[in-house]
Protein backbone atom coordinates (compact mmCIF):
# COMPACT_ATOMS: atom_id res chain seq x y z
CA PRO A 1 0.19 0.25 -0.16
CA SER A 2 1.03 3.20 -0.62
CA LEU A 3 0.62 6.55 1.27
CA THR A 4 -0.49 8.55 -1.55
CA GLY A 5 -2.34 5.95 -3.94
CA VAL A 6 0.43 6.14 -5.82
CA ASN A 7 3.55 4.06 -5.75
CA GLY A 8 6.34 2.81 -8.14
CA ARG A 9 8.79 -0.30 -8.44
CA ALA A 10 12.18 -0.55 -10.43
CA THR A 11 11.63 -3.71 -12.54
CA ASN A 12 14.56 -3.79 -14.51
CA SER A 13 17.63 -2.89 -12.23
CA ALA A 14 18.69 -0.62 -9.28
CA VAL A 15 17.31 3.54 -10.26
CA ALA A 16 19.43 6.30 -8.49
CA VAL A 17 16.83 8.73 -6.52
CA ARG A 18 18.51 12.02 -7.25
CA SER A 19 18.53 15.57 -5.10
CA GLY A 20 16.22 17.02 -8.27
CA PRO A 21 14.71 16.51 -11.26
CA GLY A 22 17.19 15.90 -13.38
CA LEU A 23 20.75 14.39 -14.26
CA GLU A 24 22.18 17.57 -12.84
CA ASN A 25 21.48 16.66 -9.44
CA ARG A 26 23.32 14.70 -6.60
CA ARG A 27 22.24 11.02 -6.20
CA ILE A 28 20.70 10.97 -2.70
CA GLY A 29 20.49 6.80 -2.98
CA ALA A 30 18.77 4.12 -4.70
CA LEU A 31 15.95 2.46 -4.74
CA LYS A 32 16.49 -1.64 -5.51
CA GLN A 33 15.70 -3.99 -8.22
CA GLY A 34 11.79 -5.62 -7.42
CA ALA A 35 11.73 -2.66 -4.39
CA TRP A 36 8.71 -0.05 -4.11
CA ILE A 37 8.98 3.42 -3.26
CA ASP A 38 6.14 5.98 -2.46
CA ILE A 39 5.13 8.48 -5.40
CA THR A 40 4.38 12.51 -3.96
CA GLY A 41 4.57 14.62 -6.71
CA TRP A 42 5.61 14.90 -10.49
CA ASN A 43 7.07 17.70 -12.53
CA GLY A 44 4.18 17.81 -15.03
CA TRP A 45 5.30 16.30 -18.71
CA ASP A 46 2.15 16.06 -21.11
CA GLU A 47 -0.09 13.47 -18.82
CA GLY A 48 -1.16 11.53 -22.16
CA ARG A 49 2.75 11.13 -22.98
CA THR A 50 4.14 7.91 -22.53
CA CYS A 51 7.72 6.26 -22.06
CA SER A 52 9.77 6.44 -25.23
CA PRO A 53 12.36 3.40 -26.39
CA THR A 54 15.29 5.93 -26.10
CA PHE A 55 15.67 6.76 -22.49
CA GLU A 56 17.68 9.70 -23.07
CA ASN A 57 14.46 11.59 -25.12
CA ASP A 58 12.09 11.29 -21.62
CA LEU A 59 14.88 12.78 -19.14
CA ASP A 60 12.33 15.46 -18.60
CA MET A 61 9.50 13.37 -17.28
CA TRP A 62 10.43 13.13 -13.22
CA VAL A 63 8.50 11.78 -10.47
CA GLU A 64 9.26 13.34 -6.64
CA VAL A 65 9.54 10.11 -4.36
CA ARG A 66 9.87 9.29 -0.67
CA LEU A 67 13.44 8.06 0.68
CA ASN A 68 13.06 6.62 4.61
CA ASP A 69 12.98 10.35 5.44
CA ARG A 70 14.20 12.26 2.43
CA THR A 71 12.63 13.45 -0.66
CA GLY A 72 14.21 12.80 -3.89
CA TRP A 73 13.58 12.69 -7.68
CA ILE A 74 13.99 9.16 -9.61
CA ALA A 75 13.21 9.24 -14.06
CA ARG A 76 9.99 8.60 -14.98
CA CYS A 77 10.94 6.06 -17.10
CA VAL A 78 12.85 4.29 -14.80
CA LEU A 79 9.44 2.80 -12.71
CA GLU A 80 6.84 0.46 -13.62
CA ILE A 81 4.04 3.10 -11.99
CA TYR A 82 0.84 2.10 -10.02
CA GLY A 83 -2.12 4.74 -9.75
CA GLU A 84 -2.40 8.29 -11.32
CA VAL A 85 0.67 10.29 -11.11
CA THR A 86 -0.94 13.49 -11.87
CA ASP A 87 -3.86 13.28 -9.25
CA LEU A 88 -0.47 14.19 -7.19
CA PRO A 89 0.82 17.81 -6.61
CA LEU A 90 3.09 19.10 -9.28
CA VAL A 91 6.25 20.33 -8.37
CA SER A 92 8.18 23.05 -9.95
CA ALA A 93 11.80 22.88 -9.80
CA ASN A 94 12.38 25.29 -6.20
CA GLY A 95 9.81 22.89 -4.52
CA GLU A 96 6.52 24.93 -4.73
CA ARG A 97 3.56 22.36 -4.86
CA THR A 98 -0.03 22.93 -6.89
CA LEU A 99 -3.17 20.20 -7.31
CA GLN A 100 -3.69 19.67 -10.90
CA ARG A 101 -7.53 18.82 -10.01
């Protein structure tokens, strides 16, 4: 179960958790392959957009997660997501949260 009703699982490999939404942000932890994590927000890509076969094309789509007692970010396309991310707050680069619905 998820506290937000939205969670993700690292299906193919362990994934990096970063301090912000982008590869330029420092790595603050990792989610092991097969492990689940609560998703608490997203950075606002087009709702109908799906992941492409080329990971590098999708690095503008990130989800905010809760890792232990810290907030972090994971690239959206490395997770299998359960629940509606778009029901969660949209989180800006400076951390401002806005509900979309």
